[in-house]
Amino acid sequence: GKVLVLVAATCAVLSKAHLSAGLVGFSVSAALQMTQTLQWAVRSWTDLESSIVSVERMKDYDRTPKEAPWRLPTCAAQSSWPHSGEIEFRNFGLRYHP
């Protein structure tokens, strides 16, 4: 896009004797608008690509084998476990590394 604006401006400067100021302004303005259009197209393309990647991830997650159920009948904990929300440290010590 910047090269397009540069070419339009260079052509306008080189042929200033044959062109009117309005035509030069229009050509540079059109080149700038083309740059904005190219930026919009690139942004739209990257948005589309990221959306497609998210669909691919969802398909992969759907094909992933399911995990074990939340409650296993062979390893069921007591219904009253845990009894309280306390953590007790016994014979616990900390020190800096030598």
N, C-alpha and C. Protein backbone atom coordinates (compact mmCIF):
# COMPACT_ATOMS: atom_id res chain seq x y z
N GLY A 1 0.80 -1.19 0.00
CA GLY A 1 0.00 0.00 0.00
C GLY A 1 0.84 1.26 0.00
N LYS A 2 1.91 1.24 0.82
CA LYS A 2 2.78 2.41 0.88
C LYS A 2 3.51 2.61 -0.44
N VAL A 3 3.87 1.52 -1.09
CA VAL A 3 4.53 1.61 -2.39
C VAL A 3 3.57 2.21 -3.41
N LEU A 4 2.32 1.85 -3.33
CA LEU A 4 1.31 2.40 -4.24
C LEU A 4 1.18 3.91 -4.06
N VAL A 5 1.15 4.37 -2.82
CA VAL A 5 1.08 5.81 -2.55
C VAL A 5 2.34 6.50 -3.05
N LEU A 6 3.50 5.86 -2.82
CA LEU A 6 4.77 6.43 -3.28
C LEU A 6 4.79 6.56 -4.80
N VAL A 7 4.32 5.54 -5.51
CA VAL A 7 4.29 5.59 -6.98
C VAL A 7 3.34 6.68 -7.46
N ALA A 8 2.17 6.79 -6.82
CA ALA A 8 1.21 7.83 -7.23
C ALA A 8 1.78 9.22 -6.99
N ALA A 9 2.44 9.42 -5.85
CA ALA A 9 3.02 10.73 -5.57
C ALA A 9 4.19 11.04 -6.50
N THR A 10 5.01 10.02 -6.78
CA THR A 10 6.15 10.22 -7.67
C THR A 10 5.68 10.55 -9.08
N CYS A 11 4.70 9.83 -9.56
CA CYS A 11 4.16 10.11 -10.90
C CYS A 11 3.54 11.51 -10.95
N ALA A 12 2.92 11.92 -9.86
CA ALA A 12 2.32 13.26 -9.83
C ALA A 12 3.39 14.34 -9.87
N VAL A 13 4.50 14.10 -9.16
CA VAL A 13 5.57 15.10 -9.15
C VAL A 13 6.26 15.15 -10.51
N LEU A 14 6.50 13.99 -11.10
CA LEU A 14 7.22 13.95 -12.38
C LEU A 14 6.41 14.54 -13.54
N SER A 15 5.11 14.42 -13.47
CA SER A 15 4.28 14.94 -14.57
C SER A 15 3.42 16.10 -14.11
N LYS A 16 3.96 16.95 -13.25
CA LYS A 16 3.18 18.07 -12.72
C LYS A 16 2.82 19.10 -13.79
N ALA A 17 3.58 19.12 -14.85
CA ALA A 17 3.28 20.09 -15.91
C ALA A 17 2.03 19.71 -16.68
N HIS A 18 1.68 18.44 -16.72
CA HIS A 18 0.55 17.97 -17.52
C HIS A 18 -0.71 17.71 -16.69
N LEU A 19 -0.59 17.69 -15.36
CA LEU A 19 -1.73 17.33 -14.51
C LEU A 19 -2.21 18.54 -13.71
N SER A 20 -3.50 18.54 -13.42
CA SER A 20 -4.05 19.61 -12.58
C SER A 20 -3.91 19.20 -11.11
N ALA A 21 -4.03 20.15 -10.22
CA ALA A 21 -3.89 19.89 -8.78
C ALA A 21 -5.00 18.97 -8.28
N GLY A 22 -6.19 19.12 -8.85
CA GLY A 22 -7.31 18.27 -8.44
C GLY A 22 -7.08 16.82 -8.80
N LEU A 23 -6.53 16.59 -9.99
CA LEU A 23 -6.26 15.22 -10.42
C LEU A 23 -5.15 14.58 -9.59
N VAL A 24 -4.14 15.35 -9.24
CA VAL A 24 -3.07 14.84 -8.39
C VAL A 24 -3.61 14.50 -7.01
N GLY A 25 -4.42 15.38 -6.44
CA GLY A 25 -5.03 15.11 -5.13
C GLY A 25 -5.91 13.88 -5.17
N PHE A 26 -6.68 13.74 -6.24
CA PHE A 26 -7.54 12.57 -6.37
C PHE A 26 -6.74 11.28 -6.46
N SER A 27 -5.64 11.30 -7.23
CA SER A 27 -4.86 10.07 -7.40
C SER A 27 -4.18 9.66 -6.09
N VAL A 28 -3.64 10.62 -5.37
CA VAL A 28 -3.01 10.29 -4.08
C VAL A 28 -4.07 9.84 -3.08
N SER A 29 -5.22 10.49 -3.08
CA SER A 29 -6.31 10.09 -2.19
C SER A 29 -6.80 8.68 -2.50
N ALA A 30 -6.92 8.36 -3.78
CA ALA A 30 -7.34 7.02 -4.18
C ALA A 30 -6.30 5.97 -3.77
N ALA A 31 -5.02 6.32 -3.88
CA ALA A 31 -3.97 5.40 -3.45
C ALA A 31 -4.03 5.16 -1.95
N LEU A 32 -4.29 6.21 -1.17
CA LEU A 32 -4.43 6.05 0.28
C LEU A 32 -5.65 5.20 0.62
N GLN A 33 -6.74 5.39 -0.10
CA GLN A 33 -7.93 4.59 0.14
C GLN A 33 -7.67 3.12 -0.21
N MET A 34 -6.88 2.88 -1.24
CA MET A 34 -6.52 1.50 -1.59
C MET A 34 -5.71 0.86 -0.47
N THR A 35 -4.84 1.64 0.16
CA THR A 35 -4.07 1.14 1.29
C THR A 35 -4.99 0.73 2.43
N GLN A 36 -5.97 1.55 2.74
CA GLN A 36 -6.92 1.21 3.79
C GLN A 36 -7.72 -0.04 3.43
N THR A 37 -8.07 -0.17 2.17
CA THR A 37 -8.80 -1.36 1.73
C THR A 37 -7.95 -2.61 1.87
N LEU A 38 -6.67 -2.52 1.54
CA LEU A 38 -5.78 -3.66 1.71
C LEU A 38 -5.63 -4.03 3.19
N GLN A 39 -5.53 -3.02 4.07
CA GLN A 39 -5.44 -3.30 5.50
C GLN A 39 -6.70 -3.99 6.01
N TRP A 40 -7.86 -3.53 5.55
CA TRP A 40 -9.12 -4.16 5.95
C TRP A 40 -9.17 -5.61 5.47
N ALA A 41 -8.71 -5.86 4.23
CA ALA A 41 -8.74 -7.23 3.69
C ALA A 41 -7.83 -8.15 4.50
N VAL A 42 -6.65 -7.66 4.87
CA VAL A 42 -5.74 -8.49 5.65
C VAL A 42 -6.32 -8.77 7.03
N ARG A 43 -6.91 -7.76 7.67
CA ARG A 43 -7.52 -7.95 8.98
C ARG A 43 -8.68 -8.94 8.91
N SER A 44 -9.50 -8.83 7.87
CA SER A 44 -10.62 -9.77 7.72
C SER A 44 -10.11 -11.19 7.49
N TRP A 45 -9.05 -11.32 6.73
CA TRP A 45 -8.48 -12.64 6.46
C TRP A 45 -7.95 -13.26 7.75
N THR A 46 -7.25 -12.49 8.57
CA THR A 46 -6.71 -13.05 9.81
C THR A 46 -7.83 -13.38 10.80
N ASP A 47 -8.90 -12.58 10.84
CA ASP A 47 -10.05 -12.93 11.68
C ASP A 47 -10.69 -14.23 11.24
N LEU A 48 -10.83 -14.40 9.94
CA LEU A 48 -11.40 -15.64 9.41
C LEU A 48 -10.51 -16.83 9.75
N GLU A 49 -9.20 -16.64 9.61
CA GLU A 49 -8.27 -17.73 9.90
C GLU A 49 -8.31 -18.13 11.37
N SER A 50 -8.38 -17.15 12.26
CA SER A 50 -8.45 -17.49 13.69
C SER A 50 -9.78 -18.17 14.03
N SER A 51 -10.85 -17.78 13.36
CA SER A 51 -12.13 -18.46 13.58
C SER A 51 -12.07 -19.90 13.11
N ILE A 52 -11.42 -20.14 11.99
CA ILE A 52 -11.29 -21.51 11.49
C ILE A 52 -10.44 -22.35 12.43
N VAL A 53 -9.39 -21.76 13.00
CA VAL A 53 -8.55 -22.49 13.95
C VAL A 53 -9.36 -22.87 15.18
N SER A 54 -10.23 -21.98 15.65
CA SER A 54 -11.04 -22.32 16.81
C SER A 54 -12.02 -23.46 16.50
N VAL A 55 -12.53 -23.51 15.28
CA VAL A 55 -13.42 -24.62 14.89
C VAL A 55 -12.62 -25.92 14.85
N GLU A 56 -11.39 -25.86 14.32
CA GLU A 56 -10.56 -27.07 14.29
C GLU A 56 -10.25 -27.57 15.70
N ARG A 57 -10.00 -26.65 16.63
CA ARG A 57 -9.75 -27.05 18.01
C ARG A 57 -10.97 -27.71 18.62
N MET A 58 -12.15 -27.16 18.34
CA MET A 58 -13.37 -27.77 18.89
C MET A 58 -13.57 -29.18 18.33
N LYS A 59 -13.25 -29.37 17.06
CA LYS A 59 -13.36 -30.71 16.49
C LYS A 59 -12.38 -31.67 17.15
N ASP A 60 -11.15 -31.18 17.42
CA ASP A 60 -10.17 -32.03 18.10
C ASP A 60 -10.60 -32.36 19.52
N TYR A 61 -11.16 -31.37 20.23
CA TYR A 61 -11.64 -31.62 21.60
C TYR A 61 -12.79 -32.62 21.59
N ASP A 62 -13.61 -32.57 20.54
CA ASP A 62 -14.73 -33.50 20.46
C ASP A 62 -14.24 -34.93 20.24
N ARG A 63 -13.11 -35.08 19.55
CA ARG A 63 -12.57 -36.42 19.27
C ARG A 63 -11.69 -36.95 20.39
N THR A 64 -11.36 -36.11 21.37
CA THR A 64 -10.51 -36.54 22.48
C THR A 64 -11.26 -37.55 23.33
N PRO A 65 -10.59 -38.63 23.73
CA PRO A 65 -11.27 -39.61 24.59
C PRO A 65 -11.71 -38.97 25.90
N LYS A 66 -12.84 -39.40 26.38
CA LYS A 66 -13.41 -38.83 27.60
C LYS A 66 -12.61 -39.31 28.81
N GLU A 67 -12.59 -38.46 29.84
CA GLU A 67 -11.90 -38.82 31.06
C GLU A 67 -12.76 -39.76 31.89
N ALA A 68 -12.17 -40.21 32.98
CA ALA A 68 -12.92 -41.09 33.89
C ALA A 68 -14.07 -40.31 34.51
N PRO A 69 -15.12 -41.00 34.95
CA PRO A 69 -16.23 -40.30 35.59
C PRO A 69 -15.79 -39.65 36.90
N TRP A 70 -16.59 -38.70 37.38
CA TRP A 70 -16.24 -37.98 38.60
C TRP A 70 -16.20 -38.90 39.81
N ARG A 71 -17.06 -39.85 39.86
CA ARG A 71 -17.10 -40.78 41.01
C ARG A 71 -16.87 -42.20 40.51
N LEU A 72 -15.81 -42.81 41.03
CA LEU A 72 -15.53 -44.21 40.70
C LEU A 72 -16.13 -45.09 41.78
N PRO A 73 -16.82 -46.15 41.40
CA PRO A 73 -17.44 -47.00 42.42
C PRO A 73 -16.40 -47.74 43.26
N THR A 74 -15.21 -47.99 42.71
CA THR A 74 -14.20 -48.74 43.47
C THR A 74 -13.43 -47.85 44.44
N CYS A 75 -13.48 -46.55 44.26
CA CYS A 75 -12.68 -45.64 45.08
C CYS A 75 -13.55 -44.53 45.63
N ALA A 76 -14.67 -44.86 46.16
CA ALA A 76 -15.58 -43.84 46.66
C ALA A 76 -15.16 -43.42 48.07
N ALA A 77 -15.05 -42.13 48.29
CA ALA A 77 -14.72 -41.61 49.61
C ALA A 77 -15.98 -41.55 50.47
N GLN A 78 -15.76 -41.41 51.73
CA GLN A 78 -16.90 -41.30 52.65
C GLN A 78 -17.68 -40.03 52.33
N SER A 79 -18.96 -40.04 52.55
CA SER A 79 -19.78 -38.87 52.24
C SER A 79 -19.48 -37.71 53.17
N SER A 80 -18.93 -37.98 54.34
CA SER A 80 -18.65 -36.91 55.29
C SER A 80 -17.23 -36.37 55.14
N TRP A 81 -16.47 -36.86 54.19
CA TRP A 81 -15.09 -36.41 54.00
C TRP A 81 -15.08 -35.16 53.16
N PRO A 82 -14.37 -34.13 53.41
CA PRO A 82 -13.57 -33.82 54.60
C PRO A 82 -14.46 -33.32 55.74
N HIS A 83 -13.98 -33.50 56.94
CA HIS A 83 -14.77 -33.15 58.13
C HIS A 83 -14.79 -31.64 58.36
N SER A 84 -13.66 -30.95 58.10
CA SER A 84 -13.61 -29.50 58.30
C SER A 84 -12.61 -28.92 57.29
N GLY A 85 -12.57 -27.62 57.23
CA GLY A 85 -11.70 -26.96 56.27
C GLY A 85 -10.37 -26.55 56.87
N GLU A 86 -9.72 -27.41 57.61
CA GLU A 86 -8.46 -27.08 58.26
C GLU A 86 -7.32 -27.89 57.65
N ILE A 87 -6.14 -27.27 57.64
CA ILE A 87 -4.93 -27.96 57.22
C ILE A 87 -3.96 -27.90 58.40
N GLU A 88 -3.44 -29.04 58.78
CA GLU A 88 -2.54 -29.10 59.92
C GLU A 88 -1.17 -29.60 59.46
N PHE A 89 -0.11 -28.86 59.82
CA PHE A 89 1.26 -29.25 59.51
C PHE A 89 1.88 -29.81 60.78
N ARG A 90 2.44 -31.00 60.69
CA ARG A 90 3.13 -31.60 61.83
C ARG A 90 4.59 -31.83 61.45
N ASN A 91 5.50 -31.42 62.33
CA ASN A 91 6.94 -31.58 62.11
C ASN A 91 7.37 -31.01 60.75
N PHE A 92 6.94 -29.81 60.50
CA PHE A 92 7.22 -29.16 59.23
C PHE A 92 8.22 -28.04 59.46
N GLY A 93 9.22 -27.98 58.61
CA GLY A 93 10.23 -26.94 58.76
C GLY A 93 10.70 -26.44 57.42
N LEU A 94 11.16 -25.18 57.41
CA LEU A 94 11.69 -24.57 56.20
C LEU A 94 13.04 -23.98 56.50
N ARG A 95 13.91 -23.96 55.49
CA ARG A 95 15.20 -23.29 55.62
C ARG A 95 15.69 -22.90 54.26
N TYR A 96 16.61 -21.96 54.24
CA TYR A 96 17.19 -21.52 52.98
C TYR A 96 18.18 -22.57 52.47
N HIS A 97 18.34 -22.61 51.18
CA HIS A 97 19.32 -23.52 50.57
C HIS A 97 20.71 -23.05 50.96
N PRO A 98 21.58 -23.98 51.34
CA PRO A 98 22.95 -23.55 51.76
C PRO A 98 23.72 -22.91 50.62
